[in-house]
Protein backbone atom coordinates (compact mmCIF):
# COMPACT_ATOMS: atom_id res chain seq x y z
CA MET A 1 -5.96 21.29 -6.62
CA ILE A 2 -8.83 19.08 -5.54
CA ASP A 3 -7.89 16.45 -8.10
CA SER A 4 -4.28 16.31 -6.89
CA LYS A 5 -5.42 15.96 -3.27
CA PHE A 6 -7.90 13.24 -4.23
CA GLN A 7 -5.24 11.32 -6.15
CA ALA A 8 -2.79 11.57 -3.25
CA LEU A 9 -5.43 10.31 -0.81
CA TYR A 10 -6.51 7.52 -3.15
CA LEU A 11 -2.95 6.32 -3.69
CA ASP A 12 -2.40 6.36 0.07
CA TYR A 13 -5.59 4.31 0.51
CA ALA A 14 -4.42 1.81 -2.13
CA VAL A 15 -1.05 1.44 -0.38
CA THR A 16 -2.81 0.78 2.92
CA LYS A 17 -5.09 -1.79 1.27
CA PHE A 18 -2.22 -3.69 -0.35
CA GLN A 19 -0.22 -3.58 2.89
CA LYS A 20 -3.20 -5.13 4.64
CA TYR A 21 -3.38 -7.93 2.05
CA ASP A 22 0.34 -8.59 2.34
CA ARG A 23 0.20 -8.58 6.16
CA THR A 24 -2.79 -10.96 6.14
CA ILE A 25 -0.94 -13.42 3.94
CA ASN A 26 2.16 -13.22 6.14
CA ILE A 27 0.12 -13.73 9.31
CA PHE A 28 -1.63 -16.74 7.75
CA LEU A 29 1.71 -18.28 6.80
CA ALA A 30 3.20 -17.61 10.24
CA LEU A 31 0.20 -19.08 12.05
CA THR A 32 0.04 -22.17 9.88
CA SER A 33 3.75 -22.89 10.16
CA SER A 34 3.81 -22.46 13.92
CA GLY A 35 0.34 -23.97 14.32
CA SER A 36 1.29 -27.12 12.50
CA ILE A 37 4.09 -27.70 15.01
CA ALA A 38 1.82 -26.94 17.96
CA ALA A 39 -0.93 -29.14 16.55
CA TRP A 40 0.89 -32.44 16.94
CA ALA A 41 -1.16 -33.09 20.08
CA ILE A 42 -4.48 -32.79 18.25
CA TRP A 43 -3.21 -34.02 14.89
CA GLN A 44 -4.83 -37.42 15.34
CA GLU A 45 -8.30 -35.96 15.91
CA PHE A 46 -8.40 -33.44 13.08
CA GLN A 47 -6.15 -34.94 10.45
CA MET A 48 -8.12 -33.73 7.46
CA VAL A 49 -8.52 -30.16 8.77
CA TRP A 50 -4.81 -29.77 9.46
CA ALA A 51 -3.88 -31.39 6.16
CA ILE A 52 -6.02 -28.87 4.29
CA ILE A 53 -4.61 -25.94 6.27
CA ILE A 54 -1.02 -27.04 5.72
CA ALA A 55 -1.67 -27.70 2.03
CA ALA A 56 -3.20 -24.24 1.65
CA ALA A 57 -0.22 -22.68 3.42
CA ASN A 58 2.18 -24.48 1.11
CA VAL A 59 0.27 -23.32 -1.96
CA VAL A 60 0.25 -19.73 -0.68
CA THR A 61 4.00 -19.93 0.05
CA ILE A 62 4.65 -21.11 -3.49
CA LEU A 63 2.40 -18.47 -5.06
CA LYS A 64 3.43 -15.56 -2.81
CA PRO A 65 6.24 -14.33 -5.11
CA TYR A 66 3.65 -13.98 -7.86
CA PHE A 67 1.32 -11.83 -5.75
CA PRO A 68 2.02 -8.28 -6.90
CA TYR A 69 1.27 -6.65 -3.54
CA SER A 70 4.87 -5.90 -2.57
CA LYS A 71 5.56 -4.36 -5.97
CA TYR A 72 2.34 -2.34 -5.84
CA ILE A 73 3.11 -1.11 -2.34
CA LYS A 74 6.47 0.28 -3.41
CA GLU A 75 5.22 1.84 -6.65
CA LEU A 76 2.08 3.33 -5.13
CA SER A 77 4.00 4.70 -2.14
CA GLU A 78 6.35 6.54 -4.48
CA SER A 79 3.43 7.83 -6.55
CA ALA A 80 1.55 8.94 -3.43
CA LEU A 81 4.56 10.94 -2.23
CA LYS A 82 4.90 12.60 -5.64
CA MET A 83 1.20 13.49 -5.65
CA GLN A 84 1.45 14.91 -2.14
CA ASP A 85 4.43 17.03 -3.24
CA LEU A 86 2.51 18.20 -6.30
CA HIS A 87 -0.48 19.12 -4.15
CA LEU A 88 1.79 21.11 -1.81
CA ASP A 89 3.23 22.93 -4.83
CA TYR A 90 -0.32 23.80 -5.90
CA GLU A 91 -1.10 25.03 -2.39
CA ARG A 92 2.00 27.26 -2.37
CA LEU A 93 1.17 28.60 -5.81
CA TRP A 94 -2.43 29.34 -4.79
CA TYR A 95 -1.24 31.06 -1.61
CA LYS A 96 1.14 33.28 -3.58
CA PHE A 97 -1.62 34.07 -6.07
CA GLU A 98 -4.09 34.96 -3.30
CA LYS A 99 -1.54 37.21 -1.60
CA GLU A 100 -0.87 38.85 -4.97
CA GLN A 101 2.78 37.87 -4.84
CA ILE A 102 2.45 36.53 -8.37
CA THR A 103 0.20 37.30 -11.30
CA GLU A 104 -2.03 34.92 -13.23
CA ASP A 105 0.44 34.92 -16.12
CA SER A 106 3.42 34.05 -13.93
CA ALA A 107 1.36 31.43 -12.10
CA THR A 108 1.25 29.35 -15.26
CA LEU A 109 5.03 29.10 -15.40
CA PRO A 110 6.72 26.01 -13.95
CA LEU A 111 7.23 26.12 -10.19
CA VAL A 112 10.66 27.06 -8.93
CA SER A 113 11.58 26.30 -5.34
CA ASP A 114 12.05 29.42 -3.24
């Protein structure tokens, strides 16, 4: 039971981490695209800085489809839900066993929804 709970929590943590990475990349791209338009006034003073920022944004835009974060988010979310369901099944089974509604032998059988 502890292992199933740990795995569910870990998968949820991994989803959150990958969502944070994906959101950071999207915020960077949004700021650089809108910032490059707003920066025309100071473009003359900081040409090299803005050129590097815009170049980095273009590289990230090109590489973004190859970042696996979106795929990982979807897969890990599905796995986390399955692990949470499995943990709840274990909790129900343990509850029934503690209340002597089932025996140890019948507890080893596959779970059937009530």
